């Protein structure tokens, strides 16, 4: 679509969509045109929902997932196993594990992975917060479920080395997740098998 014939408001929306991960110009154009074809009321509802995101959603002070309430629904659920923590990279990974339906513990969201080339070290992800939770004395097992990408594996190795002297059981997500696959894109059956088959790291 030629930039010369795109109305400026439509062009701005396309550019904004292009800023989202995995969205190229063609997909951004399709999304923007789809919104334009819909009734104005629907477009206003979408705009209102986007505007409310940062006002109504916060980080859970315990696990650091996105939530309307603090603590989140998982951390505040007395039926969940509070002595078991599953460590994941992003909130999307939490959603993937919850869909698998066979994990009943709590979570810890790192909000990133180690990437020295990008200047991301332990201080830039929620490692100190994880250590503080373990030092509270209520945690019996830390289940590391980072992705099997190079940064994910490096982060898992760091966490295992960092936590191996703690008086806890350390486990790692088992085979079933293909190397190079981001955990959030695994199907629920593959992910369920990987959770069930997690193994000791020491």
C-alpha atoms as a PDB file:
ATOM      1  CA  UNK A   1       0.000   0.000   0.000  1.00  0.00           C
ATOM      2  CA  UNK A   2       1.620   3.240  -1.118  1.00  0.00           C
ATOM      3  CA  UNK A   3       2.312   5.690   1.691  1.00  0.00           C
ATOM      4  CA  UNK A   4       1.194   8.507  -0.638  1.00  0.00           C
ATOM      5  CA  UNK A   5      -2.421   7.304  -0.744  1.00  0.00           C
ATOM      6  CA  UNK A   6      -2.813   6.235   2.907  1.00  0.00           C
ATOM      7  CA  UNK A   7      -4.722   8.753   5.049  1.00  0.00           C
ATOM      8  CA  UNK A   8      -2.487   9.999   7.861  1.00  0.00           C
ATOM      9  CA  UNK A   9      -4.590   8.561  10.763  1.00  0.00           C
ATOM     10  CA  UNK A  10      -4.589   5.144   9.083  1.00  0.00           C
ATOM     11  CA  UNK A  11      -0.854   5.385   8.433  1.00  0.00           C
ATOM     12  CA  UNK A  12      -0.195   6.188  12.104  1.00  0.00           C
ATOM     13  CA  UNK A  13      -2.212   3.151  13.203  1.00  0.00           C
ATOM     14  CA  UNK A  14      -0.288   0.914  10.786  1.00  0.00           C
ATOM     15  CA  UNK A  15       3.006   2.249  12.156  1.00  0.00           C
ATOM     16  CA  UNK A  16       1.842   1.597  15.728  1.00  0.00           C
ATOM     17  CA  UNK A  17       0.884  -1.994  14.899  1.00  0.00           C
ATOM     18  CA  UNK A  18       4.315  -2.490  13.299  1.00  0.00           C
ATOM     19  CA  UNK A  19       5.888  -1.788  16.694  1.00  0.00           C
ATOM     20  CA  UNK A  20       4.320  -4.965  18.104  1.00  0.00           C
ATOM     21  CA  UNK A  21       6.466  -8.143  18.067  1.00  0.00           C
ATOM     22  CA  UNK A  22       5.869 -10.371  15.058  1.00  0.00           C
ATOM     23  CA  UNK A  23       3.774  -7.782  13.206  1.00  0.00           C
ATOM     24  CA  UNK A  24       5.097  -6.739   9.802  1.00  0.00           C
ATOM     25  CA  UNK A  25       3.753  -3.987   7.558  1.00  0.00           C
ATOM     26  CA  UNK A  26       1.369  -6.274   5.648  1.00  0.00           C
ATOM     27  CA  UNK A  27      -0.183  -7.699   8.812  1.00  0.00           C
ATOM     28  CA  UNK A  28      -0.331  -4.228  10.362  1.00  0.00           C
ATOM     29  CA  UNK A  29      -2.140  -2.920   7.276  1.00  0.00           C
ATOM     30  CA  UNK A  30      -4.674  -5.777   7.413  1.00  0.00           C
ATOM     31  CA  UNK A  31      -5.357  -5.151  11.093  1.00  0.00           C
ATOM     32  CA  UNK A  32      -5.742  -1.405  10.642  1.00  0.00           C
ATOM     33  CA  UNK A  33      -8.084  -1.804   7.646  1.00  0.00           C
ATOM     34  CA  UNK A  34     -10.122  -4.392   9.542  1.00  0.00           C
ATOM     35  CA  UNK A  35     -10.624  -1.966  12.425  1.00  0.00           C
ATOM     36  CA  UNK A  36     -11.532   0.790   9.977  1.00  0.00           C
ATOM     37  CA  UNK A  37     -14.235  -1.399   8.398  1.00  0.00           C
ATOM     38  CA  UNK A  38     -15.830  -2.212  11.739  1.00  0.00           C
ATOM     39  CA  UNK A  39     -18.508  -0.013  13.337  1.00  0.00           C
ATOM     40  CA  UNK A  40     -17.181   3.092  15.048  1.00  0.00           C
ATOM     41  CA  UNK A  41     -18.535   1.880  18.387  1.00  0.00           C
ATOM     42  CA  UNK A  42     -16.313  -1.220  18.239  1.00  0.00           C
ATOM     43  CA  UNK A  43     -13.259   0.894  17.440  1.00  0.00           C
ATOM     44  CA  UNK A  44     -14.037   3.107  20.444  1.00  0.00           C
ATOM     45  CA  UNK A  45     -14.386   0.052  22.689  1.00  0.00           C
ATOM     46  CA  UNK A  46     -10.979  -1.176  21.528  1.00  0.00           C
ATOM     47  CA  UNK A  47      -9.418   2.242  22.143  1.00  0.00           C
ATOM     48  CA  UNK A  48     -10.962   2.392  25.633  1.00  0.00           C
ATOM     49  CA  UNK A  49      -9.675  -1.095  26.489  1.00  0.00           C
ATOM     50  CA  UNK A  50      -6.149  -0.125  25.412  1.00  0.00           C
ATOM     51  CA  UNK A  51      -6.332   3.120  27.401  1.00  0.00           C
ATOM     52  CA  UNK A  52      -7.374   1.275  30.572  1.00  0.00           C
ATOM     53  CA  UNK A  53      -4.593  -1.321  30.447  1.00  0.00           C
ATOM     54  CA  UNK A  54      -1.963   0.600  32.398  1.00  0.00           C
ATOM     55  CA  UNK A  55      -4.511   2.048  34.822  1.00  0.00           C
ATOM     56  CA  UNK A  56      -6.206  -1.213  35.802  1.00  0.00           C
ATOM     57  CA  UNK A  57      -3.399  -3.803  35.571  1.00  0.00           C
ATOM     58  CA  UNK A  58      -0.398  -4.022  37.880  1.00  0.00           C
ATOM     59  CA  UNK A  59       2.328  -6.476  38.796  1.00  0.00           C
ATOM     60  CA  UNK A  60       1.553  -8.958  41.551  1.00  0.00           C
ATOM     61  CA  UNK A  61       3.961  -8.106  44.379  1.00  0.00           C
ATOM     62  CA  UNK A  62       4.576 -11.804  45.008  1.00  0.00           C
ATOM     63  CA  UNK A  63       5.028 -13.526  41.619  1.00  0.00           C
ATOM     64  CA  UNK A  64       5.216 -10.440  39.321  1.00  0.00           C
ATOM     65  CA  UNK A  65       2.569 -11.518  36.852  1.00  0.00           C
ATOM     66  CA  UNK A  66       0.089  -9.006  35.418  1.00  0.00           C
ATOM     67  CA  UNK A  67      -3.052  -8.775  37.534  1.00  0.00           C
ATOM     68  CA  UNK A  68      -5.948  -6.516  38.434  1.00  0.00           C
ATOM     69  CA  UNK A  69      -5.483  -7.409  42.107  1.00  0.00           C
ATOM     70  CA  UNK A  70      -2.511  -7.796  44.435  1.00  0.00           C
ATOM     71  CA  UNK A  71      -1.908 -10.605  45.192  1.00  0.00           C
ATOM     72  CA  UNK A  72      -2.983 -12.170  41.915  1.00  0.00           C
ATOM     73  CA  UNK A  73      -5.617 -14.914  41.678  1.00  0.00           C
ATOM     74  CA  UNK A  74      -2.975 -17.661  41.819  1.00  0.00           C
ATOM     75  CA  UNK A  75      -0.939 -16.288  44.737  1.00  0.00           C
ATOM     76  CA  UNK A  76      -4.138 -15.545  46.641  1.00  0.00           C
ATOM     77  CA  UNK A  77      -5.610 -19.016  46.101  1.00  0.00           C
ATOM     78  CA  UNK A  78      -5.251 -21.101  49.307  1.00  0.00           C
ATOM     79  CA  UNK A  79      -5.733 -24.316  47.294  1.00  0.00           C
ATOM     80  CA  UNK A  80      -2.495 -23.773  45.348  1.00  0.00           C
ATOM     81  CA  UNK A  81       0.726 -25.369  46.615  1.00  0.00           C
ATOM     82  CA  UNK A  82       2.613 -22.368  48.001  1.00  0.00           C
ATOM     83  CA  UNK A  83       5.792 -24.362  48.724  1.00  0.00           C
ATOM     84  CA  UNK A  84       6.332 -25.004  44.981  1.00  0.00           C
ATOM     85  CA  UNK A  85       7.446 -22.182  42.675  1.00  0.00           C
ATOM     86  CA  UNK A  86       7.608 -22.442  38.885  1.00  0.00           C
ATOM     87  CA  UNK A  87      10.085 -19.932  37.432  1.00  0.00           C
ATOM     88  CA  UNK A  88       9.190 -18.663  33.948  1.00  0.00           C
ATOM     89  CA  UNK A  89      10.437 -15.906  31.681  1.00  0.00           C
ATOM     90  CA  UNK A  90       7.254 -13.965  30.936  1.00  0.00           C
ATOM     91  CA  UNK A  91       3.556 -13.853  31.945  1.00  0.00           C
ATOM     92  CA  UNK A  92       2.698 -15.558  28.636  1.00  0.00           C
ATOM     93  CA  UNK A  93       4.624 -18.625  29.826  1.00  0.00           C
ATOM     94  CA  UNK A  94       2.490 -18.759  32.967  1.00  0.00           C
ATOM     95  CA  UNK A  95      -0.640 -18.818  30.801  1.00  0.00           C
ATOM     96  CA  UNK A  96       0.780 -21.672  28.716  1.00  0.00           C
ATOM     97  CA  UNK A  97       1.531 -23.801  31.795  1.00  0.00           C
ATOM     98  CA  UNK A  98      -1.894 -23.070  33.285  1.00  0.00           C
ATOM     99  CA  UNK A  99      -3.521 -24.306  30.052  1.00  0.00           C
ATOM    100  CA  UNK A 100      -1.649 -27.603  30.438  1.00  0.00           C
ATOM    101  CA  UNK A 101      -3.826 -28.105  33.516  1.00  0.00           C
ATOM    102  CA  UNK A 102      -1.513 -30.243  35.662  1.00  0.00           C
ATOM    103  CA  UNK A 103       0.449 -27.701  37.707  1.00  0.00           C
ATOM    104  CA  UNK A 104      -0.953 -26.517  41.041  1.00  0.00           C
ATOM    105  CA  UNK A 105       1.909 -24.518  42.543  1.00  0.00           C
ATOM    106  CA  UNK A 106       2.820 -20.851  42.498  1.00  0.00           C
ATOM    107  CA  UNK A 107       4.912 -18.921  39.948  1.00  0.00           C
ATOM    108  CA  UNK A 108       7.775 -16.471  39.718  1.00  0.00           C
ATOM    109  CA  UNK A 109       8.007 -14.306  36.587  1.00  0.00           C
ATOM    110  CA  UNK A 110      11.544 -13.205  35.722  1.00  0.00           C
ATOM    111  CA  UNK A 111      10.425 -10.667  33.094  1.00  0.00           C
ATOM    112  CA  UNK A 112      13.305 -11.541  30.818  1.00  0.00           C
ATOM    113  CA  UNK A 113      16.289 -13.822  30.298  1.00  0.00           C
ATOM    114  CA  UNK A 114      20.006 -13.309  30.651  1.00  0.00           C
ATOM    115  CA  UNK A 115      21.491 -11.738  27.544  1.00  0.00           C
ATOM    116  CA  UNK A 116      24.913 -10.145  28.128  1.00  0.00           C
ATOM    117  CA  UNK A 117      25.075  -8.935  24.509  1.00  0.00           C
ATOM    118  CA  UNK A 118      21.971  -6.838  25.213  1.00  0.00           C
ATOM    119  CA  UNK A 119      23.157  -5.717  28.618  1.00  0.00           C
ATOM    120  CA  UNK A 120      20.679  -7.913  30.494  1.00  0.00           C
ATOM    121  CA  UNK A 121      22.229  -9.472  33.576  1.00  0.00           C
ATOM    122  CA  UNK A 122      20.799 -10.894  36.817  1.00  0.00           C
ATOM    123  CA  UNK A 123      20.075  -7.385  38.111  1.00  0.00           C
ATOM    124  CA  UNK A 124      17.746  -6.695  35.176  1.00  0.00           C
ATOM    125  CA  UNK A 125      15.477  -9.698  35.829  1.00  0.00           C
ATOM    126  CA  UNK A 126      13.679 -10.766  39.020  1.00  0.00           C
ATOM    127  CA  UNK A 127      16.472 -12.911  40.502  1.00  0.00           C
ATOM    128  CA  UNK A 128      16.876 -11.070  43.822  1.00  0.00           C
ATOM    129  CA  UNK A 129      13.131 -11.253  44.329  1.00  0.00           C
ATOM    130  CA  UNK A 130      13.231 -15.017  43.754  1.00  0.00           C
ATOM    131  CA  UNK A 131      16.047 -15.376  46.276  1.00  0.00           C
ATOM    132  CA  UNK A 132      14.041 -13.367  48.816  1.00  0.00           C
ATOM    133  CA  UNK A 133      11.074 -15.717  48.406  1.00  0.00           C
ATOM    134  CA  UNK A 134      13.317 -18.748  48.925  1.00  0.00           C
ATOM    135  CA  UNK A 135      14.974 -17.170  51.964  1.00  0.00           C
ATOM    136  CA  UNK A 136      11.559 -16.787  53.581  1.00  0.00           C
ATOM    137  CA  UNK A 137      11.776 -20.490  54.417  1.00  0.00           C
ATOM    138  CA  UNK A 138       8.402 -21.481  52.969  1.00  0.00           C
ATOM    139  CA  UNK A 139       9.666 -22.793  49.606  1.00  0.00           C
ATOM    140  CA  UNK A 140      10.479 -26.501  49.211  1.00  0.00           C
ATOM    141  CA  UNK A 141      10.878 -26.785  45.411  1.00  0.00           C
ATOM    142  CA  UNK A 142      11.849 -24.393  42.629  1.00  0.00           C
ATOM    143  CA  UNK A 143      10.808 -25.688  39.218  1.00  0.00           C
ATOM    144  CA  UNK A 144      12.730 -23.870  36.456  1.00  0.00           C
ATOM    145  CA  UNK A 145      10.641 -23.651  33.290  1.00  0.00           C
ATOM    146  CA  UNK A 146      12.561 -21.285  31.050  1.00  0.00           C
ATOM    147  CA  UNK A 147      12.410 -21.910  27.303  1.00  0.00           C
ATOM    148  CA  UNK A 148      14.850 -24.197  25.510  1.00  0.00           C
ATOM    149  CA  UNK A 149      16.321 -21.286  23.565  1.00  0.00           C
ATOM    150  CA  UNK A 150      19.977 -20.335  24.068  1.00  0.00           C
ATOM    151  CA  UNK A 151      19.100 -17.411  26.431  1.00  0.00           C
ATOM    152  CA  UNK A 152      16.526 -19.587  28.225  1.00  0.00           C
ATOM    153  CA  UNK A 153      19.050 -22.382  28.788  1.00  0.00           C
ATOM    154  CA  UNK A 154      21.694 -19.883  29.924  1.00  0.00           C
ATOM    155  CA  UNK A 155      19.232 -18.407  32.404  1.00  0.00           C
ATOM    156  CA  UNK A 156      18.315 -21.870  33.714  1.00  0.00           C
ATOM    157  CA  UNK A 157      22.004 -22.761  34.159  1.00  0.00           C
ATOM    158  CA  UNK A 158      22.625 -19.522  36.027  1.00  0.00           C
ATOM    159  CA  UNK A 159      19.638 -20.090  38.328  1.00  0.00           C
ATOM    160  CA  UNK A 160      20.678 -23.685  39.051  1.00  0.00           C
ATOM    161  CA  UNK A 161      24.207 -22.556  39.963  1.00  0.00           C
ATOM    162  CA  UNK A 162      22.870 -19.609  41.961  1.00  0.00           C
ATOM    163  CA  UNK A 163      20.345 -21.654  43.951  1.00  0.00           C
ATOM    164  CA  UNK A 164      22.094 -25.034  44.315  1.00  0.00           C
ATOM    165  CA  UNK A 165      23.268 -24.302  47.870  1.00  0.00           C
ATOM    166  CA  UNK A 166      19.794 -23.373  49.040  1.00  0.00           C
ATOM    167  CA  UNK A 167      17.915 -25.974  51.121  1.00  0.00           C
ATOM    168  CA  UNK A 168      15.367 -26.630  48.379  1.00  0.00           C
ATOM    169  CA  UNK A 169      14.653 -29.163  45.667  1.00  0.00           C
ATOM    170  CA  UNK A 170      15.665 -27.822  42.233  1.00  0.00           C
ATOM    171  CA  UNK A 171      13.934 -29.199  39.138  1.00  0.00           C
ATOM    172  CA  UNK A 172      14.046 -28.315  35.454  1.00  0.00           C
ATOM    173  CA  UNK A 173      11.404 -28.597  32.722  1.00  0.00           C
ATOM    174  CA  UNK A 174      11.851 -32.047  31.151  1.00  0.00           C
ATOM    175  CA  UNK A 175      12.153 -33.101  27.514  1.00  0.00           C
ATOM    176  CA  UNK A 176       9.131 -32.653  25.318  1.00  0.00           C
ATOM    177  CA  UNK A 177       9.753 -29.023  24.427  1.00  0.00           C
ATOM    178  CA  UNK A 178      11.780 -28.942  21.161  1.00  0.00           C
ATOM    179  CA  UNK A 179      15.092 -27.123  21.256  1.00  0.00           C
ATOM    180  CA  UNK A 180      14.735 -23.586  19.988  1.00  0.00           C
ATOM    181  CA  UNK A 181      10.978 -23.414  20.712  1.00  0.00           C
ATOM    182  CA  UNK A 182       9.641 -20.633  22.903  1.00  0.00           C
ATOM    183  CA  UNK A 183       7.626 -22.223  25.717  1.00  0.00           C
ATOM    184  CA  UNK A 184       4.489 -20.182  25.058  1.00  0.00           C
ATOM    185  CA  UNK A 185       4.088 -21.774  21.603  1.00  0.00           C
ATOM    186  CA  UNK A 186       4.161 -25.386  22.819  1.00  0.00           C
ATOM    187  CA  UNK A 187       0.880 -27.294  22.621  1.00  0.00           C
ATOM    188  CA  UNK A 188      -0.704 -28.183  25.965  1.00  0.00           C
ATOM    189  CA  UNK A 189      -0.129 -31.948  25.677  1.00  0.00           C
ATOM    190  CA  UNK A 190       3.598 -31.550  24.997  1.00  0.00           C
ATOM    191  CA  UNK A 191       3.858 -29.055  27.834  1.00  0.00           C
ATOM    192  CA  UNK A 192       1.924 -31.325  30.212  1.00  0.00           C
ATOM    193  CA  UNK A 193       4.323 -34.224  29.538  1.00  0.00           C
ATOM    194  CA  UNK A 194       7.308 -31.956  30.098  1.00  0.00           C
ATOM    195  CA  UNK A 195       5.906 -30.780  33.434  1.00  0.00           C
ATOM    196  CA  UNK A 196       5.158 -34.320  34.615  1.00  0.00           C
ATOM    197  CA  UNK A 197       8.647 -35.521  33.610  1.00  0.00           C
ATOM    198  CA  UNK A 198      10.673 -32.708  35.212  1.00  0.00           C
ATOM    199  CA  UNK A 199      13.875 -33.950  36.824  1.00  0.00           C
ATOM    200  CA  UNK A 200      16.313 -33.062  39.553  1.00  0.00           C
ATOM    201  CA  UNK A 201      19.157 -30.737  38.585  1.00  0.00           C
ATOM    202  CA  UNK A 202      21.505 -31.975  41.292  1.00  0.00           C
END
